Amino acid sequence: MATTTTKLNVNSRGAEGSRAARRLRRSGRVPGVVYGGGAESVGFDADARELRLALAGTGAVLDLSVDGGRATPVVLKEAQRDPVRGQTIHVDLLRVRLDEAIHAVVPLELADVDDAPGVKEGGVLEQITRELNVEALPTAIPESIVYAVGEMQIGDTILLTAIAAPDGVTLLDSLEETVLATLSPPRLQAEAEAEDEIEAETELVGEEAEEGEAAEGAGSEDSAGEE
């Protein structure tokens, strides 16, 4: 939970285009924009290392100072990353009030996966939902929400109803419809069961076809006798 704020000093910049942005990145700086809070949007650039450290905590509230001016509380709204290197190449920051709740996206982490009986039996645990939408005060947004799956059996499905939200946090996703994780039978077993089902259906279809042919044959014999 972001109970403290981190100071981030940045330099203002105008709308100089993509070429200027590339020059900034080569010099170790990251372009960005801050908006919201009833004020105009302001473009800026930040030291890449300082920005990375400031954003290390998901949901962290930053005290943003532009050109050495008065600090304003902000949160990360969006970060664009290089698809190959994974480095942050642009950030959008949102001005917030510390006494007003905001919407945020929080990672969901599954704990005790290896302890689940179904996993020990060879079952396949699949995490369906990896992020949760929440509402909370900026300083109450958790870095992540953790759910222990150490009791899951093969065939179990965990819904969002199983999550106990941290104090001051409201879950915004559908509690009854959001699937967090499933634990399926071992793949070989599942494939074997599927083959058995197909074989059984094939046999049933064959039997029905034979019965149909027998009925048609009997009908033909009756017709011949009448003639």
Protein backbone atom coordinates (compact mmCIF):
# COMPACT_ATOMS: atom_id res chain seq x y z
CA MET A 1 0.00 0.00 0.00
CA ALA A 2 1.31 3.41 -0.99
CA THR A 3 1.22 5.11 2.40
CA THR A 4 4.10 7.44 1.51
CA THR A 5 4.92 9.53 -1.53
CA THR A 6 8.07 9.69 -3.64
CA LYS A 7 9.51 12.93 -4.98
CA LEU A 8 10.09 13.15 -8.73
CA ASN A 9 11.66 16.21 -10.34
CA VAL A 10 11.10 16.71 -14.07
CA ASN A 11 11.74 19.34 -16.74
CA SER A 12 8.92 20.85 -18.78
CA ARG A 13 8.99 20.38 -22.53
CA GLY A 14 6.88 21.45 -25.48
CA ALA A 15 5.29 19.33 -28.20
CA GLU A 16 8.48 18.79 -30.17
CA GLY A 17 7.60 15.61 -32.06
CA SER A 18 8.93 12.07 -32.20
CA ARG A 19 12.44 13.02 -33.36
CA ALA A 20 13.01 15.14 -30.24
CA ALA A 21 11.58 12.33 -28.11
CA ARG A 22 14.09 9.87 -29.57
CA ARG A 23 16.94 12.27 -28.79
CA LEU A 24 15.70 12.51 -25.20
CA ARG A 25 15.65 8.74 -24.80
CA ARG A 26 19.16 8.42 -26.20
CA SER A 27 20.32 10.92 -23.58
CA GLY A 28 18.79 8.86 -20.74
CA ARG A 29 15.54 10.78 -20.31
CA VAL A 30 11.92 9.72 -20.73
CA PRO A 31 9.21 12.01 -22.14
CA GLY A 32 5.79 12.19 -20.50
CA VAL A 33 2.70 14.24 -19.84
CA VAL A 34 0.76 15.09 -16.67
CA TYR A 35 -2.91 16.03 -16.79
CA GLY A 36 -6.14 16.13 -14.77
CA GLY A 37 -6.96 17.89 -11.55
CA GLY A 38 -8.62 20.79 -13.34
CA ALA A 39 -5.31 22.09 -14.71
CA GLU A 40 -3.79 22.10 -18.19
CA SER A 41 -1.75 19.21 -19.50
CA VAL A 42 2.02 19.69 -19.17
CA GLY A 43 4.64 17.84 -21.18
CA PHE A 44 7.86 16.92 -19.38
CA ASP A 45 10.94 14.72 -19.47
CA ALA A 46 12.37 12.79 -16.53
CA ASP A 47 15.65 11.06 -15.79
CA ALA A 48 15.10 7.41 -16.78
CA ARG A 49 16.72 5.97 -13.66
CA GLU A 50 14.89 8.30 -11.26
CA LEU A 51 11.61 7.57 -13.00
CA ARG A 52 12.18 3.81 -12.79
CA LEU A 53 12.90 4.00 -9.06
CA ALA A 54 9.90 6.27 -8.44
CA LEU A 55 7.55 3.87 -10.23
CA ALA A 56 9.01 0.75 -8.60
CA GLY A 57 5.97 0.44 -6.35
CA THR A 58 2.77 -0.23 -8.29
CA GLY A 59 0.13 2.29 -7.28
CA ALA A 60 2.77 4.61 -5.78
CA VAL A 61 1.80 8.23 -5.30
CA LEU A 62 4.44 10.62 -6.62
CA ASP A 63 5.10 14.20 -5.61
CA LEU A 64 5.75 15.65 -9.05
CA SER A 65 7.73 18.88 -9.29
CA VAL A 66 8.01 20.51 -12.73
CA ASP A 67 11.00 22.85 -13.18
CA GLY A 68 11.49 22.99 -9.42
CA GLY A 69 7.95 24.24 -8.79
CA ARG A 70 5.46 23.24 -6.12
CA ALA A 71 5.01 19.47 -5.88
CA THR A 72 1.69 17.95 -6.95
CA PRO A 73 0.52 14.42 -6.04
CA VAL A 74 0.18 12.22 -9.14
CA VAL A 75 -0.19 8.54 -10.00
CA LEU A 76 0.86 6.59 -13.06
CA LYS A 77 -1.98 6.37 -15.56
CA GLU A 78 -0.16 4.62 -18.39
CA ALA A 79 3.38 3.60 -19.31
CA GLN A 80 4.51 2.78 -22.83
CA ARG A 81 7.40 0.33 -23.09
CA ASP A 82 9.77 -0.68 -25.85
CA PRO A 83 8.47 -4.04 -27.17
CA VAL A 84 11.99 -5.46 -27.44
CA ARG A 85 13.99 -3.97 -24.57
CA GLY A 86 11.09 -3.46 -22.20
CA GLN A 87 12.31 0.03 -21.26
CA THR A 88 9.79 2.77 -20.48
CA ILE A 89 9.60 5.18 -23.42
CA HIS A 90 6.69 7.41 -22.35
CA VAL A 91 4.53 7.94 -19.26
CA ASP A 92 1.15 9.52 -18.59
CA LEU A 93 0.69 10.84 -15.06
CA LEU A 94 -2.61 11.86 -13.49
CA ARG A 95 -2.97 14.59 -10.88
CA VAL A 96 -4.94 13.38 -7.85
CA ARG A 97 -6.23 14.56 -4.50
CA LEU A 98 -5.15 12.42 -1.58
CA ASP A 99 -8.62 12.70 -0.02
CA GLU A 100 -10.54 11.55 -3.12
CA ALA A 101 -10.86 7.94 -4.28
CA ILE A 102 -9.65 7.02 -7.77
CA HIS A 103 -9.90 3.99 -10.04
CA ALA A 104 -6.77 1.92 -10.54
CA VAL A 105 -5.63 -1.44 -11.93
CA VAL A 106 -3.85 -3.73 -9.46
CA PRO A 107 -1.98 -6.98 -10.26
CA LEU A 108 -3.43 -10.23 -8.90
CA GLU A 109 -0.87 -12.70 -7.55
CA LEU A 110 -1.57 -16.36 -6.77
CA ALA A 111 0.32 -17.78 -3.78
CA ASP A 112 0.96 -21.37 -2.59
CA VAL A 113 0.44 -22.77 -6.09
CA ASP A 114 2.79 -25.73 -5.55
CA ASP A 115 0.98 -26.66 -2.32
CA ALA A 116 -2.39 -27.17 -4.01
CA PRO A 117 -3.41 -30.88 -3.87
CA GLY A 118 -4.63 -30.71 -7.46
CA VAL A 119 -1.26 -29.41 -8.66
CA LYS A 120 0.55 -32.17 -6.76
CA GLU A 121 -1.63 -34.69 -8.58
CA GLY A 122 -0.49 -33.29 -11.91
CA GLY A 123 -3.39 -30.93 -12.54
CA VAL A 124 -2.93 -27.78 -14.62
CA LEU A 125 -3.56 -24.51 -12.78
CA GLU A 126 -4.38 -21.61 -15.09
CA GLN A 127 -4.61 -18.01 -13.90
CA ILE A 128 -7.44 -16.46 -15.89
CA THR A 129 -7.40 -12.95 -14.37
CA ARG A 130 -4.11 -11.16 -13.77
CA GLU A 131 -5.32 -7.63 -12.99
CA LEU A 132 -8.20 -6.29 -10.90
CA ASN A 133 -9.99 -2.97 -11.19
CA VAL A 134 -10.29 -1.23 -7.83
CA GLU A 135 -11.37 2.05 -6.27
CA ALA A 136 -9.50 3.54 -3.31
CA LEU A 137 -7.77 6.64 -2.02
CA PRO A 138 -4.46 7.16 -3.84
CA THR A 139 -2.49 6.28 -0.71
CA ALA A 140 -4.57 3.12 -0.11
CA ILE A 141 -4.04 1.47 -3.50
CA PRO A 142 -2.17 -1.82 -2.86
CA GLU A 143 0.87 -2.80 -4.91
CA SER A 144 -0.86 -6.12 -5.56
CA ILE A 145 -3.65 -8.33 -4.27
CA VAL A 146 -2.56 -11.84 -3.24
CA TYR A 147 -4.79 -14.90 -3.10
CA ALA A 148 -3.62 -18.27 -1.75
CA VAL A 149 -4.67 -21.27 -3.84
CA GLY A 150 -3.06 -23.91 -1.62
CA GLU A 151 -6.37 -25.76 -1.13
CA MET A 152 -7.40 -26.08 -4.78
CA GLN A 153 -8.44 -29.50 -6.03
CA ILE A 154 -8.69 -30.74 -9.63
CA GLY A 155 -11.88 -29.32 -11.13
CA ASP A 156 -12.00 -26.26 -8.86
CA THR A 157 -12.77 -22.78 -10.20
CA ILE A 158 -12.03 -19.67 -8.11
CA LEU A 159 -14.25 -16.62 -8.60
CA LEU A 160 -13.67 -13.04 -7.46
CA THR A 161 -16.12 -13.67 -4.62
CA ALA A 162 -13.26 -15.49 -2.87
CA ILE A 163 -11.17 -12.31 -2.60
CA ALA A 164 -11.29 -10.28 0.61
CA ALA A 165 -10.48 -6.73 -0.49
CA PRO A 166 -7.95 -4.82 1.64
CA ASP A 167 -9.32 -2.15 3.97
CA GLY A 168 -10.42 0.93 2.06
CA VAL A 169 -10.36 -0.85 -1.31
CA THR A 170 -13.46 -1.62 -3.39
CA LEU A 171 -13.36 -4.30 -6.10
CA LEU A 172 -15.03 -3.04 -9.27
CA ASP A 173 -15.11 -6.23 -11.36
CA SER A 174 -18.13 -8.57 -11.28
CA LEU A 175 -17.78 -10.76 -8.18
CA GLU A 176 -19.88 -13.61 -9.61
CA GLU A 177 -18.58 -13.58 -13.19
CA THR A 178 -14.86 -12.84 -12.85
CA VAL A 179 -12.90 -16.12 -12.90
CA LEU A 180 -9.53 -15.88 -11.16
CA ALA A 181 -8.16 -19.37 -11.72
CA THR A 182 -9.08 -22.92 -12.73
CA LEU A 183 -7.43 -26.27 -11.96
CA SER A 184 -7.89 -28.78 -14.77
CA PRO A 185 -7.05 -32.53 -14.89
CA PRO A 186 -3.61 -33.56 -16.18
CA ARG A 187 -3.44 -33.00 -19.93
CA LEU A 188 -2.92 -36.71 -20.77
CA GLN A 189 -5.90 -37.64 -18.62
CA ALA A 190 -8.02 -34.92 -20.18
CA GLU A 191 -7.04 -36.02 -23.67
CA ALA A 192 -7.85 -39.66 -22.82
CA GLU A 193 -11.25 -38.67 -21.45
CA ALA A 194 -11.95 -36.64 -24.58
CA GLU A 195 -11.02 -39.62 -26.78
CA ASP A 196 -13.29 -41.90 -24.74
CA GLU A 197 -16.17 -39.46 -25.20
CA ILE A 198 -15.58 -39.27 -28.96
CA GLU A 199 -15.39 -43.07 -29.19
CA ALA A 200 -18.60 -43.46 -27.20
CA GLU A 201 -20.40 -40.94 -29.42
CA THR A 202 -19.10 -42.69 -32.54
CA GLU A 203 -20.37 -46.06 -31.29
CA LEU A 204 -23.76 -44.53 -30.47
CA VAL A 205 -24.05 -42.99 -33.92
CA GLY A 206 -23.07 -46.34 -35.49
CA GLU A 207 -25.70 -48.21 -33.48
CA GLU A 208 -28.38 -45.70 -34.45
CA ALA A 209 -27.37 -46.03 -38.11
CA GLU A 210 -27.59 -49.86 -37.93
CA GLU A 211 -31.01 -49.66 -36.30
CA GLY A 212 -32.15 -47.29 -39.03
CA GLU A 213 -30.91 -49.62 -41.78
CA ALA A 214 -32.61 -52.60 -40.12
CA ALA A 215 -35.89 -50.70 -39.93
CA GLU A 216 -35.65 -49.75 -43.61
CA GLY A 217 -34.93 -53.38 -44.52
CA ALA A 218 -37.96 -54.59 -42.61
CA GLY A 219 -40.10 -52.00 -44.33
CA SER A 220 -38.93 -53.17 -47.75
CA GLU A 221 -39.73 -56.81 -46.97
CA ASP A 222 -43.26 -55.87 -45.83
CA SER A 223 -43.81 -53.95 -49.06
CA ALA A 224 -42.65 -56.92 -51.14
CA GLY A 225 -44.97 -59.29 -49.30
CA GLU A 226 -47.98 -57.10 -49.93
CA GLU A 227 -47.21 -57.06 -53.63
